[in-house]
Protein backbone atom coordinates (compact mmCIF):
# COMPACT_ATOMS: atom_id res chain seq x y z
CA MET A 1 0.03 0.02 -0.01
CA GLY A 2 2.83 2.41 -0.80
CA MET A 3 3.92 4.68 1.90
CA PHE A 4 0.79 4.26 4.06
CA PHE A 5 2.21 1.77 6.63
CA LYS A 6 5.52 3.53 6.84
CA LYS A 7 3.60 6.77 7.77
CA LEU A 8 1.63 4.81 10.22
CA ASP A 9 4.71 3.35 11.77
CA ARG A 10 6.16 6.80 12.17
CA SER A 11 2.90 8.10 13.77
CA PHE A 12 2.89 5.40 16.25
CA ARG A 13 6.53 5.89 17.29
CA LEU A 14 6.04 9.72 17.61
CA LYS A 15 3.25 8.86 20.21
CA GLY A 16 5.60 6.70 22.11
CA ALA A 17 4.89 3.13 20.76
CA HIS A 18 7.56 0.47 20.27
CA THR A 19 6.95 -0.79 16.67
CA PHE A 20 8.15 -3.61 14.60
CA ARG A 21 7.70 -4.41 10.88
CA ILE A 22 7.91 -7.79 9.25
CA GLY A 23 8.49 -8.06 5.47
CA PHE A 24 8.32 -10.83 3.08
CA ASN A 25 10.03 -9.47 -0.06
CA ALA A 26 12.15 -6.59 -1.06
CA GLY A 27 9.05 -4.46 -1.95
CA ASP A 28 7.99 -4.62 1.76
CA GLN A 29 11.57 -3.76 2.81
CA PHE A 30 11.69 -0.72 0.51
CA PHE A 31 8.64 0.80 2.03
CA SER A 32 9.89 0.15 5.71
CA TYR A 33 12.22 1.87 8.20
CA LYS A 34 15.45 -0.01 8.52
CA ASP A 35 15.85 0.12 12.24
CA ASN A 36 12.65 -1.83 13.19
CA TYR A 37 12.45 -4.11 10.09
CA THR A 38 12.61 -7.92 10.31
CA ALA A 39 12.83 -9.96 7.12
CA PHE A 40 10.92 -13.23 6.92
CA ARG A 41 13.05 -15.41 4.36
CA GLU A 42 11.99 -18.81 5.37
CA ARG A 43 9.58 -21.29 3.68
CA PRO A 44 5.91 -20.50 4.15
CA GLU A 45 5.41 -23.47 6.41
CA GLU A 46 7.87 -22.00 8.85
CA TRP A 47 5.73 -18.80 9.24
CA PRO A 48 3.35 -20.10 12.01
CA LYS A 49 6.22 -20.90 14.39
CA PHE A 50 8.20 -17.79 13.30
CA ILE A 51 5.30 -15.31 13.96
CA GLU A 52 4.31 -16.96 17.28
CA ASP A 53 7.99 -16.77 18.60
CA PHE A 54 8.20 -13.14 17.33
CA LEU A 55 5.09 -12.01 19.07
CA GLN A 56 6.02 -13.62 22.35
CA LYS A 57 9.70 -12.57 22.28
CA HIS A 58 8.91 -8.92 21.66
CA GLN A 59 5.72 -8.94 23.95
CA ILE A 60 3.51 -7.57 21.17
CA GLU A 61 0.18 -6.05 22.35
CA LYS A 62 -1.30 -5.14 19.02
CA ILE A 63 -0.88 -6.20 15.44
CA PHE A 64 -2.02 -4.33 12.28
CA LEU A 65 -2.59 -6.06 8.97
CA PHE A 66 -3.74 -5.21 5.52
CA GLY A 67 -6.48 -7.79 4.75
CA ASP A 68 -7.09 -11.01 6.54
CA CYS A 69 -7.43 -13.68 3.96
CA ARG A 70 -3.93 -14.02 2.44
CA TYR A 71 -1.87 -16.74 3.82
CA TYR A 72 0.60 -14.79 6.01
CA GLN A 73 -2.15 -12.44 7.41
CA THR A 74 -4.36 -15.40 8.02
CA VAL A 75 -1.87 -17.27 10.12
CA ALA A 76 -0.75 -14.02 11.96
CA ARG A 77 -4.34 -13.35 12.89
CA GLN A 78 -5.03 -16.84 14.22
CA VAL A 79 -1.89 -16.95 16.17
CA SER A 80 -2.58 -13.52 17.69
CA TYR A 81 -6.10 -14.57 18.60
CA ARG A 82 -4.69 -17.50 20.51
CA LEU A 83 -2.18 -15.41 22.36
CA LYS A 84 -4.93 -12.87 23.13
CA ILE A 85 -3.18 -10.08 21.13
CA ASP A 86 -5.41 -7.41 19.75
CA VAL A 87 -5.68 -7.62 15.88
CA PHE A 88 -6.63 -4.65 13.71
CA VAL A 89 -7.26 -5.14 10.06
CA PHE A 90 -7.07 -2.51 7.25
CA GLU A 91 -8.95 -2.82 4.03
CA GLU A 92 -10.52 -0.64 1.32
CA GLY A 93 -13.43 1.35 2.62
CA TYR A 94 -16.83 -0.30 3.17
CA LEU A 95 -18.13 3.14 2.13
CA ARG A 96 -16.60 4.77 -0.82
CA PRO A 97 -15.10 7.23 -1.76
CA HIS A 98 -12.97 8.96 1.05
CA TYR A 99 -12.94 6.18 3.56
CA ILE A 100 -10.67 3.17 4.41
CA THR A 101 -11.69 0.42 6.77
CA MET A 102 -9.86 -0.40 9.99
CA GLU A 103 -11.72 -2.93 12.06
CA LYS A 104 -10.80 -4.97 15.17
CA PHE A 105 -10.69 -8.70 14.84
CA GLY A 106 -11.34 -8.80 11.02
CA VAL A 107 -13.09 -7.45 7.95
CA ASN A 108 -15.86 -8.47 5.56
CA GLY A 109 -16.80 -12.05 6.22
CA PHE A 110 -14.61 -12.13 9.35
CA SER A 111 -16.12 -8.98 10.69
CA SER A 112 -17.58 -8.86 14.25
CA LEU A 113 -20.14 -6.43 13.25
CA SER A 114 -23.71 -7.48 14.16
CA ARG A 115 -25.95 -8.88 11.43
CA ASP A 116 -29.08 -8.46 13.58
CA PRO A 117 -31.42 -5.79 12.36
CA LYS A 118 -32.67 -5.29 15.88
CA PHE A 119 -29.37 -4.07 17.07
CA TYR A 120 -29.25 -1.21 14.58
CA LYS A 121 -32.97 -0.32 15.00
CA SER A 122 -32.30 0.27 18.62
CA LEU A 123 -29.76 2.93 17.88
CA LYS A 124 -30.68 6.64 17.73
CA VAL A 125 -30.25 8.47 14.41
CA LYS A 126 -27.43 11.05 14.56
CA ASN A 127 -26.22 13.56 12.14
CA THR A 128 -22.98 12.08 10.66
CA PRO A 129 -20.72 14.61 9.25
CA GLU A 130 -19.81 14.18 5.57
CA PRO A 131 -16.26 12.95 4.95
CA LYS A 132 -13.69 15.38 3.77
CA HIS A 133 -12.14 14.72 0.35
CA ALA A 134 -9.36 12.13 0.81
CA HIS A 135 -7.39 13.28 -2.25
CA ALA A 136 -6.68 9.68 -3.28
CA SER A 137 -3.98 9.71 -6.04
CA LYS A 138 -4.05 7.07 -8.88
CA THR A 139 -0.60 8.28 -9.85
CA LYS A 140 0.78 7.56 -6.34
CA MET A 141 -0.93 4.15 -6.59
CA VAL A 142 0.60 3.32 -9.90
CA ILE A 143 4.13 4.52 -8.90
CA SER A 144 4.01 2.58 -5.69
CA ALA A 145 2.93 -0.61 -7.42
CA ILE A 146 5.69 -0.18 -10.08
CA ILE A 147 8.37 0.27 -7.41
CA TYR A 148 6.97 -2.66 -5.19
CA TYR A 149 6.90 -5.09 -7.93
CA ALA A 150 10.25 -3.98 -9.46
CA MET A 151 12.09 -4.19 -6.12
CA ALA A 152 10.53 -7.52 -5.20
CA ASN A 153 11.37 -9.05 -8.65
CA ILE A 154 14.87 -7.68 -8.92
CA LEU A 155 15.84 -8.73 -5.42
CA GLN A 156 13.86 -12.00 -5.43
CA PHE A 157 17.05 -13.89 -4.48
CA ARG A 158 16.92 -12.40 -1.06
CA TYR A 159 13.52 -13.75 -0.32
CA PRO A 160 13.69 -17.12 -2.18
CA TYR A 161 10.63 -18.70 -0.65
CA TYR A 162 8.14 -15.83 -0.72
CA ARG A 163 4.74 -16.83 -1.82
CA HIS A 164 2.53 -14.25 -3.23
CA HIS A 165 -1.30 -14.39 -3.31
CA ARG A 166 -1.45 -13.99 -7.04
CA ASP A 167 0.97 -13.77 -10.05
CA PHE A 168 4.08 -11.78 -8.89
CA SER A 169 5.82 -11.02 -12.16
CA ALA A 170 6.70 -7.39 -12.56
CA LEU A 171 6.73 -7.77 -16.43
CA GLN A 172 3.21 -9.31 -16.18
CA GLU A 173 1.89 -6.63 -14.04
CA PHE A 174 3.37 -4.00 -16.34
CA PHE A 175 1.65 -5.66 -19.32
CA HIS A 176 -1.68 -5.68 -17.53
CA GLY A 177 -1.18 -2.00 -16.60
CA VAL A 178 -0.54 -1.09 -20.19
CA ARG A 179 -3.36 -3.14 -21.51
CA SER A 180 -5.78 -1.66 -18.94
CA ALA A 181 -4.69 1.93 -19.97
CA TRP A 182 -5.17 1.12 -23.68
CA ARG A 183 -8.57 -0.50 -23.12
CA LYS A 184 -9.83 2.38 -21.03
CA ILE A 185 -9.15 4.70 -24.09
CA VAL A 186 -10.87 2.34 -26.39
CA TYR A 187 -13.89 1.94 -24.11
CA MET A 188 -14.33 5.70 -23.93
CA PHE A 189 -15.49 5.56 -27.49
CA SER A 190 -16.79 2.03 -27.94
CA GLU A 191 -19.06 2.09 -24.83
CA LYS A 192 -20.64 5.42 -25.42
CA LYS A 193 -23.58 3.78 -26.82
CA TYR A 194 -24.53 2.20 -23.55
CA MET A 195 -25.13 5.52 -21.87
CA LYS A 196 -28.26 6.04 -24.04
CA ILE A 197 -29.48 2.43 -23.63
CA ILE A 198 -29.07 2.67 -19.83
CA GLU A 199 -30.54 6.12 -19.30
CA GLU A 200 -33.33 5.84 -21.85
CA ASP A 201 -33.99 2.53 -23.53
CA ILE A 202 -33.99 0.16 -20.57
CA ALA A 203 -34.07 2.55 -17.66
CA LYS A 204 -35.63 0.94 -14.58
CA LYS A 205 -36.05 -2.23 -16.49
CA TYR A 206 -32.76 -3.88 -15.80
CA TYR A 207 -31.11 -5.77 -12.98
CA PHE A 208 -27.50 -4.60 -12.42
CA VAL A 209 -24.73 -7.12 -11.83
CA PRO A 210 -21.39 -5.55 -10.80
CA LEU A 211 -18.67 -8.20 -11.23
CA GLN A 212 -15.77 -8.52 -8.77
CA THR A 213 -12.16 -9.20 -9.56
CA HIS A 214 -11.43 -12.68 -10.70
CA ASN A 215 -9.18 -13.37 -7.69
CA ASP A 216 -11.12 -11.46 -5.14
CA PHE A 217 -10.69 -13.13 -1.67
CA GLN A 218 -14.19 -12.02 -0.74
CA ILE A 219 -15.29 -14.59 -3.29
CA LEU A 220 -12.81 -17.32 -2.64
CA GLN A 221 -12.99 -17.01 1.16
CA HIS A 222 -16.60 -15.84 1.73
CA SER A 223 -18.71 -17.47 -1.02
CA SER A 224 -19.29 -20.81 -2.38
CA TYR A 225 -17.99 -19.66 -5.80
CA ARG A 226 -14.54 -20.53 -7.16
CA SER A 227 -14.81 -18.39 -10.29
CA ILE A 228 -16.58 -15.45 -11.68
CA GLU A 229 -17.69 -17.54 -14.68
CA LYS A 230 -19.65 -19.88 -12.37
CA PHE A 231 -21.49 -16.89 -10.90
CA ILE A 232 -22.21 -15.50 -14.37
CA ILE A 233 -23.72 -18.69 -15.59
CA GLU A 234 -25.96 -19.06 -12.46
CA VAL A 235 -27.31 -15.62 -12.86
CA LEU A 236 -27.86 -15.99 -16.68
CA GLU A 237 -29.78 -19.24 -16.25
CA SER A 238 -31.93 -17.98 -13.44
CA PHE A 239 -32.66 -14.71 -15.40
CA ALA A 240 -33.62 -16.73 -18.39
CA HIS A 241 -36.12 -18.95 -16.71
CA HIS A 242 -37.60 -16.73 -13.89
CA ALA A 243 -37.12 -13.00 -14.69
CA PRO A 244 -40.05 -10.93 -16.14
CA LYS A 245 -39.77 -11.16 -19.99
CA GLU A 246 -39.82 -7.36 -20.29
CA THR A 247 -36.62 -7.04 -18.09
CA PHE A 248 -32.87 -6.85 -18.92
CA LEU A 249 -29.74 -7.85 -17.43
CA VAL A 250 -26.67 -5.55 -17.18
CA PHE A 251 -23.09 -6.85 -16.30
CA LYS A 252 -20.29 -4.33 -15.39
CA HIS A 253 -16.74 -5.42 -15.21
CA HIS A 254 -14.56 -4.43 -12.20
CA PRO A 255 -12.17 -1.67 -13.18
CA VAL A 256 -9.13 -3.55 -11.61
CA ASP A 257 -9.72 -6.48 -13.97
CA ARG A 258 -9.81 -4.28 -17.07
CA GLY A 259 -6.33 -5.32 -18.09
CA ARG A 260 -6.76 -8.84 -16.92
CA LYS A 261 -10.17 -10.17 -17.81
CA ASN A 262 -12.82 -9.59 -20.44
CA TYR A 263 -16.01 -11.58 -19.96
CA ASN A 264 -17.97 -10.03 -22.76
CA ALA A 265 -17.51 -12.87 -25.16
CA PHE A 266 -18.32 -15.52 -22.55
CA ILE A 267 -21.45 -13.65 -21.34
CA LEU A 268 -22.75 -13.18 -25.00
CA GLN A 269 -21.94 -16.94 -25.68
CA GLN A 270 -23.90 -18.03 -22.48
CA ALA A 271 -26.75 -15.70 -23.44
CA LYS A 272 -27.09 -16.98 -26.90
CA LEU A 273 -27.28 -20.57 -25.65
CA LEU A 274 -30.20 -19.45 -23.36
CA ARG A 275 -31.69 -17.33 -26.30
CA ILE A 276 -31.61 -14.15 -24.21
CA GLU A 277 -28.78 -12.38 -25.96
CA GLU A 278 -31.05 -9.29 -26.83
CA ARG A 279 -31.78 -8.77 -23.28
CA VAL A 280 -28.22 -9.09 -21.88
CA PHE A 281 -25.58 -6.21 -21.84
CA SER A 282 -21.91 -6.32 -20.72
CA PHE A 283 -19.45 -3.49 -20.58
CA HIS A 284 -16.54 -2.19 -18.50
CA ASP A 285 -16.37 1.66 -17.93
CA VAL A 286 -19.84 3.03 -17.96
CA TYR A 287 -20.04 5.35 -14.91
CA LEU A 288 -21.07 3.29 -11.82
CA PRO A 289 -23.59 5.83 -10.35
CA THR A 290 -25.25 6.02 -13.76
CA CYS A 291 -25.73 2.19 -13.75
CA LEU A 292 -27.11 2.24 -10.18
CA LYS A 293 -29.35 5.30 -10.64
CA ASN A 294 -31.21 3.69 -13.63
CA ALA A 295 -31.39 0.11 -12.31
CA LYS A 296 -34.27 -1.89 -11.12
CA ALA A 297 -32.38 -3.91 -8.60
CA THR A 298 -28.87 -5.19 -7.97
CA ILE A 299 -27.33 -8.69 -7.68
CA THR A 300 -23.82 -9.18 -6.31
CA ILE A 301 -21.73 -11.92 -4.54
CA ASN A 302 -20.60 -9.63 -1.82
CA SER A 303 -19.03 -6.55 -3.41
CA THR A 304 -19.10 -3.17 -1.53
CA VAL A 305 -21.10 -2.02 -4.60
CA GLY A 306 -24.00 -3.77 -2.92
CA LEU A 307 -23.75 -1.29 -0.07
CA THR A 308 -23.69 1.55 -2.57
CA SER A 309 -26.78 -0.01 -4.16
CA ILE A 310 -28.56 0.17 -0.83
CA ALA A 311 -27.62 3.85 -0.54
CA TYR A 312 -29.35 4.40 -3.91
CA ASP A 313 -32.50 2.65 -2.48
CA LEU A 314 -32.23 -0.35 -4.79
CA PRO A 315 -33.55 -3.83 -3.86
CA THR A 316 -30.26 -5.74 -3.41
CA LEU A 317 -29.40 -9.43 -3.30
CA THR A 318 -26.04 -10.89 -2.12
CA MET A 319 -25.07 -14.33 -3.26
CA GLY A 320 -22.16 -14.65 -0.84
CA ASP A 321 -21.44 -13.65 2.71
CA ALA A 322 -21.48 -9.84 3.06
CA VAL A 323 -20.99 -7.62 6.07
CA TYR A 324 -24.09 -5.62 5.00
CA ASP A 325 -26.31 -8.59 4.19
CA ILE A 326 -28.90 -7.79 6.93
CA ASP A 327 -32.72 -8.29 6.67
CA GLY A 328 -34.18 -4.89 5.96
CA LEU A 329 -31.06 -3.67 3.98
CA THR A 330 -30.81 -6.56 1.55
CA ASN A 331 -33.25 -9.20 0.44
CA HIS A 332 -31.56 -11.41 2.99
CA GLY A 333 -32.48 -15.15 2.79
CA LYS A 334 -34.28 -14.74 -0.56
CA SER A 335 -33.44 -17.11 -3.43
CA LEU A 336 -32.36 -15.67 -6.66
CA LYS A 337 -35.20 -17.51 -8.36
CA LYS A 338 -37.62 -15.50 -6.22
CA PHE A 339 -35.79 -12.23 -6.25
CA TRP A 340 -36.59 -11.57 -9.92
CA GLN A 341 -40.26 -11.40 -9.29
CA GLN A 342 -40.40 -10.50 -5.54
CA HIS A 343 -37.92 -7.97 -4.06
CA LYS A 344 -38.15 -5.21 -1.57
CA LYS A 345 -36.32 -1.90 -1.10
CA PRO A 346 -33.97 -1.28 1.73
CA ASN A 347 -35.46 0.36 4.88
CA GLU A 348 -34.07 4.00 4.68
CA VAL A 349 -33.98 4.57 8.54
CA LEU A 350 -32.21 1.24 9.20
CA TYR A 351 -29.58 2.07 6.51
CA GLN A 352 -28.91 5.47 8.01
CA LYS A 353 -28.38 3.82 11.39
CA TYR A 354 -26.36 1.07 9.97
CA ARG A 355 -24.22 3.61 8.10
CA GLN A 356 -23.55 5.80 11.12
CA TYR A 357 -22.49 2.84 13.12
CA LEU A 358 -20.35 1.60 10.32
CA ILE A 359 -18.48 4.87 10.21
CA SER A 360 -18.19 5.39 13.97
CA ASN A 361 -16.78 1.91 14.33
CA THR A 362 -14.94 0.91 11.33
CA GLN A 363 -14.36 3.77 8.84
CA LEU A 364 -11.63 6.22 8.70
CA ASN A 365 -11.79 9.34 6.53
CA GLY A 366 -8.78 9.12 4.44
CA SER A 367 -6.95 7.16 1.73
CA PHE A 368 -4.06 4.68 1.35
CA TYR A 369 -2.72 6.85 -1.46
CA GLY A 370 -3.89 10.32 -0.17
CA LYS A 371 -4.75 12.07 3.07
CA MET A 372 -3.90 10.03 6.22
CA PRO A 373 -6.90 9.69 8.50
CA LYS A 374 -6.76 12.29 11.34
CA GLU A 375 -7.17 9.41 13.84
CA LEU A 376 -3.86 7.87 12.72
CA VAL A 377 -1.75 11.11 12.55
């Protein structure tokens, strides 16, 4: 996450904390201070014993992670729980933009947030201040990623056993980045037609399906799906057999996958097999708020777009484990087969109470590549 955790380290130390950093590759090392950095260069199977010994030796009281589903973080979290050490997990914001998530114990499917609507209904509605602009910089994000992958690849011999959670080739990442930039330019022209279709031709007649990244841990860890393709097929087949004949289906690719995946041909092929190709649309870069504003309802696995959909007062169905899948916010417990014909909008008061609780307990106004949250400075 670029310089974020180095800044966090400095902030903690200025307040009198005794801090430690553990890194797994030269990219981690580059974005760390030298005086408190420890390199883990052993095989992954040695990690559980290493982290347990480290935590006990240095009498660690709190551990901070980014994400809680990758191998090293998962083990660290489990060991910390057993040793009764407080665990705090950072993640992209549940509410976007201008927020990042920091939650004790875990995030998303591992979150300790209540799923009981009665808990939130008992809260009083408060005026939650609007977040200040976080000044997130895509340039900083890209430069940080280039440096991170370059350092990790060039000095890979110093961390010979490191296991990344996805492909770790700097050249491959560079290729995906270039292809993503090129496709973005192409889609600016080729996808213009969809704006009219969404805003005029099929407005309020389509179900919106925001696709998640192909290697999203929220899918692999917190759903029964093992591929986006499986999810796409299930939605298409159910739509073909159970959705009202006058309705449409709109798929939107995740922007992070722009340079990696293109499901357009696959979706069209499956739609043709089901003889619904004229009722199905698929694209990449149409403005998300426009998609939500004109939709009839939203179907997702567990994307945070689902929470945004609720904010737009849209009936929303989650097909996986989502932190916001609460009766009264989503169509909790309803089958996809029934959702096409019978769906209800979110309870506005419940959403406002849930949102204010979410902000107070898990959200920090800031960015990993922009303004540091004031609580961490």
